[in-house]
Amino acid sequence: MNLSSNYKMINFEYSSTVQYIFVLICVFSTHKISIEAYYASTIF
């Protein structure tokens, strides 16, 4: 019983960390795209 709840906590922490990293990657890639678009608009 205790082991199961402990596993659930670890699983929850792992999934929230993965979600956080995923959000960071999404935000970074959108910023990267907008920065590239900004540079492209200044070049052209």
PDB file of N, CA and C in Angstrom:
ATOM      1  N   MET A   1       0.842  -1.199   0.000  1.00  0.00           N
ATOM      2  CA  MET A   1       0.000   0.000   0.000  1.00  0.00           C
ATOM      3  C   MET A   1       0.880   1.254   0.000  1.00  0.00           C
ATOM      4  N   ASN A   2       1.822   1.297   0.936  1.00  0.00           N
ATOM      5  CA  ASN A   2       2.709   2.451   1.031  1.00  0.00           C
ATOM      6  C   ASN A   2       3.584   2.562  -0.226  1.00  0.00           C
ATOM      7  N   LEU A   3       4.047   1.428  -0.701  1.00  0.00           N
ATOM      8  CA  LEU A   3       4.882   1.413  -1.898  1.00  0.00           C
ATOM      9  C   LEU A   3       4.112   1.945  -3.107  1.00  0.00           C
ATOM     10  N   SER A   4       2.839   1.579  -3.197  1.00  0.00           N
ATOM     11  CA  SER A   4       2.015   2.020  -4.317  1.00  0.00           C
ATOM     12  C   SER A   4       1.838   3.538  -4.313  1.00  0.00           C
ATOM     13  N   SER A   5       1.556   4.112  -3.146  1.00  0.00           N
ATOM     14  CA  SER A   5       1.366   5.557  -3.067  1.00  0.00           C
ATOM     15  C   SER A   5       2.686   6.282  -3.343  1.00  0.00           C
ATOM     16  N   ASN A   6       3.787   5.696  -2.879  1.00  0.00           N
ATOM     17  CA  ASN A   6       5.094   6.282  -3.136  1.00  0.00           C
ATOM     18  C   ASN A   6       5.381   6.272  -4.642  1.00  0.00           C
ATOM     19  N   TYR A   7       5.045   5.189  -5.309  1.00  0.00           N
ATOM     20  CA  TYR A   7       5.236   5.092  -6.752  1.00  0.00           C
ATOM     21  C   TYR A   7       4.386   6.125  -7.480  1.00  0.00           C
ATOM     22  N   LYS A   8       3.148   6.334  -7.004  1.00  0.00           N
ATOM     23  CA  LYS A   8       2.282   7.339  -7.610  1.00  0.00           C
ATOM     24  C   LYS A   8       2.899   8.731  -7.481  1.00  0.00           C
ATOM     25  N   MET A   9       3.475   9.028  -6.319  1.00  0.00           N
ATOM     26  CA  MET A   9       4.117  10.334  -6.132  1.00  0.00           C
ATOM     27  C   MET A   9       5.292  10.514  -7.087  1.00  0.00           C
ATOM     28  N   ILE A  10       6.128   9.486  -7.196  1.00  0.00           N
ATOM     29  CA  ILE A  10       7.275   9.559  -8.099  1.00  0.00           C
ATOM     30  C   ILE A  10       6.783   9.716  -9.541  1.00  0.00           C
ATOM     31  N   ASN A  11       5.763   8.961  -9.893  1.00  0.00           N
ATOM     32  CA  ASN A  11       5.218   9.032 -11.237  1.00  0.00           C
ATOM     33  C   ASN A  11       4.654  10.418 -11.516  1.00  0.00           C
ATOM     34  N   PHE A  12       3.972  11.003 -10.545  1.00  0.00           N
ATOM     35  CA  PHE A  12       3.405  12.344 -10.712  1.00  0.00           C
ATOM     36  C   PHE A  12       4.518  13.379 -10.868  1.00  0.00           C
ATOM     37  N   GLU A  13       5.534  13.295 -10.034  1.00  0.00           N
ATOM     38  CA  GLU A  13       6.650  14.237 -10.129  1.00  0.00           C
ATOM     39  C   GLU A  13       7.349  14.100 -11.470  1.00  0.00           C
ATOM     40  N   TYR A  14       7.514  12.876 -11.933  1.00  0.00           N
ATOM     41  CA  TYR A  14       8.177  12.642 -13.216  1.00  0.00           C
ATOM     42  C   TYR A  14       7.364  13.243 -14.355  1.00  0.00           C
ATOM     43  N   SER A  15       6.042  13.017 -14.346  1.00  0.00           N
ATOM     44  CA  SER A  15       5.208  13.511 -15.429  1.00  0.00           C
ATOM     45  C   SER A  15       5.147  15.039 -15.416  1.00  0.00           C
ATOM     46  N   SER A  16       5.107  15.649 -14.228  1.00  0.00           N
ATOM     47  CA  SER A  16       5.073  17.112 -14.172  1.00  0.00           C
ATOM     48  C   SER A  16       6.398  17.700 -14.651  1.00  0.00           C
ATOM     49  N   THR A  17       7.510  17.019 -14.352  1.00  0.00           N
ATOM     50  CA  THR A  17       8.811  17.480 -14.840  1.00  0.00           C
ATOM     51  C   THR A  17       8.874  17.387 -16.351  1.00  0.00           C
ATOM     52  N   VAL A  18       8.379  16.291 -16.909  1.00  0.00           N
ATOM     53  CA  VAL A  18       8.355  16.128 -18.357  1.00  0.00           C
ATOM     54  C   VAL A  18       7.473  17.201 -18.993  1.00  0.00           C
ATOM     55  N   GLN A  19       6.311  17.480 -18.366  1.00  0.00           N
ATOM     56  CA  GLN A  19       5.440  18.540 -18.871  1.00  0.00           C
ATOM     57  C   GLN A  19       6.163  19.874 -18.856  1.00  0.00           C
ATOM     58  N   TYR A  20       6.885  20.166 -17.786  1.00  0.00           N
ATOM     59  CA  TYR A  20       7.599  21.436 -17.654  1.00  0.00           C
ATOM     60  C   TYR A  20       8.657  21.578 -18.738  1.00  0.00           C
ATOM     61  N   ILE A  21       9.421  20.508 -18.970  1.00  0.00           N
ATOM     62  CA  ILE A  21      10.444  20.517 -20.010  1.00  0.00           C
ATOM     63  C   ILE A  21       9.792  20.690 -21.383  1.00  0.00           C
ATOM     64  N   PHE A  22       8.665  20.016 -21.595  1.00  0.00           N
ATOM     65  CA  PHE A  22       7.958  20.118 -22.868  1.00  0.00           C
ATOM     66  C   PHE A  22       7.499  21.548 -23.118  1.00  0.00           C
ATOM     67  N   VAL A  23       6.958  22.192 -22.081  1.00  0.00           N
ATOM     68  CA  VAL A  23       6.519  23.587 -22.208  1.00  0.00           C
ATOM     69  C   VAL A  23       7.719  24.484 -22.493  1.00  0.00           C
ATOM     70  N   LEU A  24       8.836  24.254 -21.807  1.00  0.00           N
ATOM     71  CA  LEU A  24      10.040  25.043 -22.060  1.00  0.00           C
ATOM     72  C   LEU A  24      10.492  24.902 -23.506  1.00  0.00           C
ATOM     73  N   ILE A  25      10.483  23.673 -24.022  1.00  0.00           N
ATOM     74  CA  ILE A  25      10.888  23.440 -25.411  1.00  0.00           C
ATOM     75  C   ILE A  25       9.942  24.158 -26.368  1.00  0.00           C
ATOM     76  N   CYS A  26       8.638  24.073 -26.100  1.00  0.00           N
ATOM     77  CA  CYS A  26       7.659  24.752 -26.956  1.00  0.00           C
ATOM     78  C   CYS A  26       7.877  26.258 -26.949  1.00  0.00           C
ATOM     79  N   VAL A  27       8.038  26.833 -25.765  1.00  0.00           N
ATOM     80  CA  VAL A  27       8.247  28.286 -25.659  1.00  0.00           C
ATOM     81  C   VAL A  27       9.543  28.683 -26.354  1.00  0.00           C
ATOM     82  N   PHE A  28      10.593  27.907 -26.137  1.00  0.00           N
ATOM     83  CA  PHE A  28      11.883  28.234 -26.745  1.00  0.00           C
ATOM     84  C   PHE A  28      11.804  28.161 -28.267  1.00  0.00           C
ATOM     85  N   SER A  29      11.144  27.124 -28.800  1.00  0.00           N
ATOM     86  CA  SER A  29      11.060  26.992 -30.250  1.00  0.00           C
ATOM     87  C   SER A  29      10.201  28.101 -30.859  1.00  0.00           C
ATOM     88  N   THR A  30       9.137  28.516 -30.163  1.00  0.00           N
ATOM     89  CA  THR A  30       8.330  29.624 -30.703  1.00  0.00           C
ATOM     90  C   THR A  30       9.138  30.906 -30.681  1.00  0.00           C
ATOM     91  N   HIS A  31       9.881  31.153 -29.603  1.00  0.00           N
ATOM     92  CA  HIS A  31      10.715  32.351 -29.556  1.00  0.00           C
ATOM     93  C   HIS A  31      11.781  32.300 -30.636  1.00  0.00           C
ATOM     94  N   LYS A  32      12.347  31.126 -30.868  1.00  0.00           N
ATOM     95  CA  LYS A  32      13.370  30.964 -31.887  1.00  0.00           C
ATOM     96  C   LYS A  32      12.786  31.257 -33.270  1.00  0.00           C
ATOM     97  N   ILE A  33      11.580  30.763 -33.518  1.00  0.00           N
ATOM     98  CA  ILE A  33      10.923  31.016 -34.799  1.00  0.00           C
ATOM     99  C   ILE A  33      10.652  32.507 -34.962  1.00  0.00           C
ATOM    100  N   SER A  34      10.161  33.157 -33.911  1.00  0.00           N
ATOM    101  CA  SER A  34       9.852  34.579 -34.019  1.00  0.00           C
ATOM    102  C   SER A  34      11.123  35.408 -34.176  1.00  0.00           C
ATOM    103  N   ILE A  35      12.209  34.995 -33.527  1.00  0.00           N
ATOM    104  CA  ILE A  35      13.490  35.700 -33.688  1.00  0.00           C
ATOM    105  C   ILE A  35      13.992  35.526 -35.120  1.00  0.00           C
ATOM    106  N   GLU A  36      13.892  34.315 -35.652  1.00  0.00           N
ATOM    107  CA  GLU A  36      14.326  34.089 -37.032  1.00  0.00           C
ATOM    108  C   GLU A  36      13.469  34.884 -38.001  1.00  0.00           C
ATOM    109  N   ALA A  37      12.165  34.943 -37.745  1.00  0.00           N
ATOM    110  CA  ALA A  37      11.278  35.730 -38.600  1.00  0.00           C
ATOM    111  C   ALA A  37      11.630  37.213 -38.502  1.00  0.00           C
ATOM    112  N   TYR A  38      11.986  37.666 -37.315  1.00  0.00           N
ATOM    113  CA  TYR A  38      12.383  39.069 -37.129  1.00  0.00           C
ATOM    114  C   TYR A  38      13.650  39.373 -37.921  1.00  0.00           C
ATOM    115  N   TYR A  39      14.644  38.486 -37.821  1.00  0.00           N
ATOM    116  CA  TYR A  39      15.879  38.697 -38.584  1.00  0.00           C
ATOM    117  C   TYR A  39      15.616  38.641 -40.080  1.00  0.00           C
ATOM    118  N   ALA A  40      14.756  37.725 -40.497  1.00  0.00           N
ATOM    119  CA  ALA A  40      14.428  37.615 -41.921  1.00  0.00           C
ATOM    120  C   ALA A  40      13.737  38.891 -42.405  1.00  0.00           C
ATOM    121  N   SER A  41      12.862  39.472 -41.577  1.00  0.00           N
ATOM    122  CA  SER A  41      12.173  40.695 -41.987  1.00  0.00           C
ATOM    123  C   SER A  41      13.140  41.878 -42.017  1.00  0.00           C
ATOM    124  N   THR A  42      14.168  41.878 -41.162  1.00  0.00           N
ATOM    125  CA  THR A  42      15.137  42.976 -41.208  1.00  0.00           C
ATOM    126  C   THR A  42      16.070  42.820 -42.400  1.00  0.00           C
ATOM    127  N   ILE A  43      16.387  41.564 -42.758  1.00  0.00           N
ATOM    128  CA  ILE A  43      17.286  41.335 -43.903  1.00  0.00           C
ATOM    129  C   ILE A  43      16.568  41.715 -45.204  1.00  0.00           C
ATOM    130  N   PHE A  44      15.334  41.265 -45.346  1.00  0.00           N
ATOM    131  CA  PHE A  44      14.621  41.505 -46.608  1.00  0.00           C
ATOM    132  C   PHE A  44      13.971  42.869 -46.627  1.00  0.00           C
TER     133      PHE A  44
END
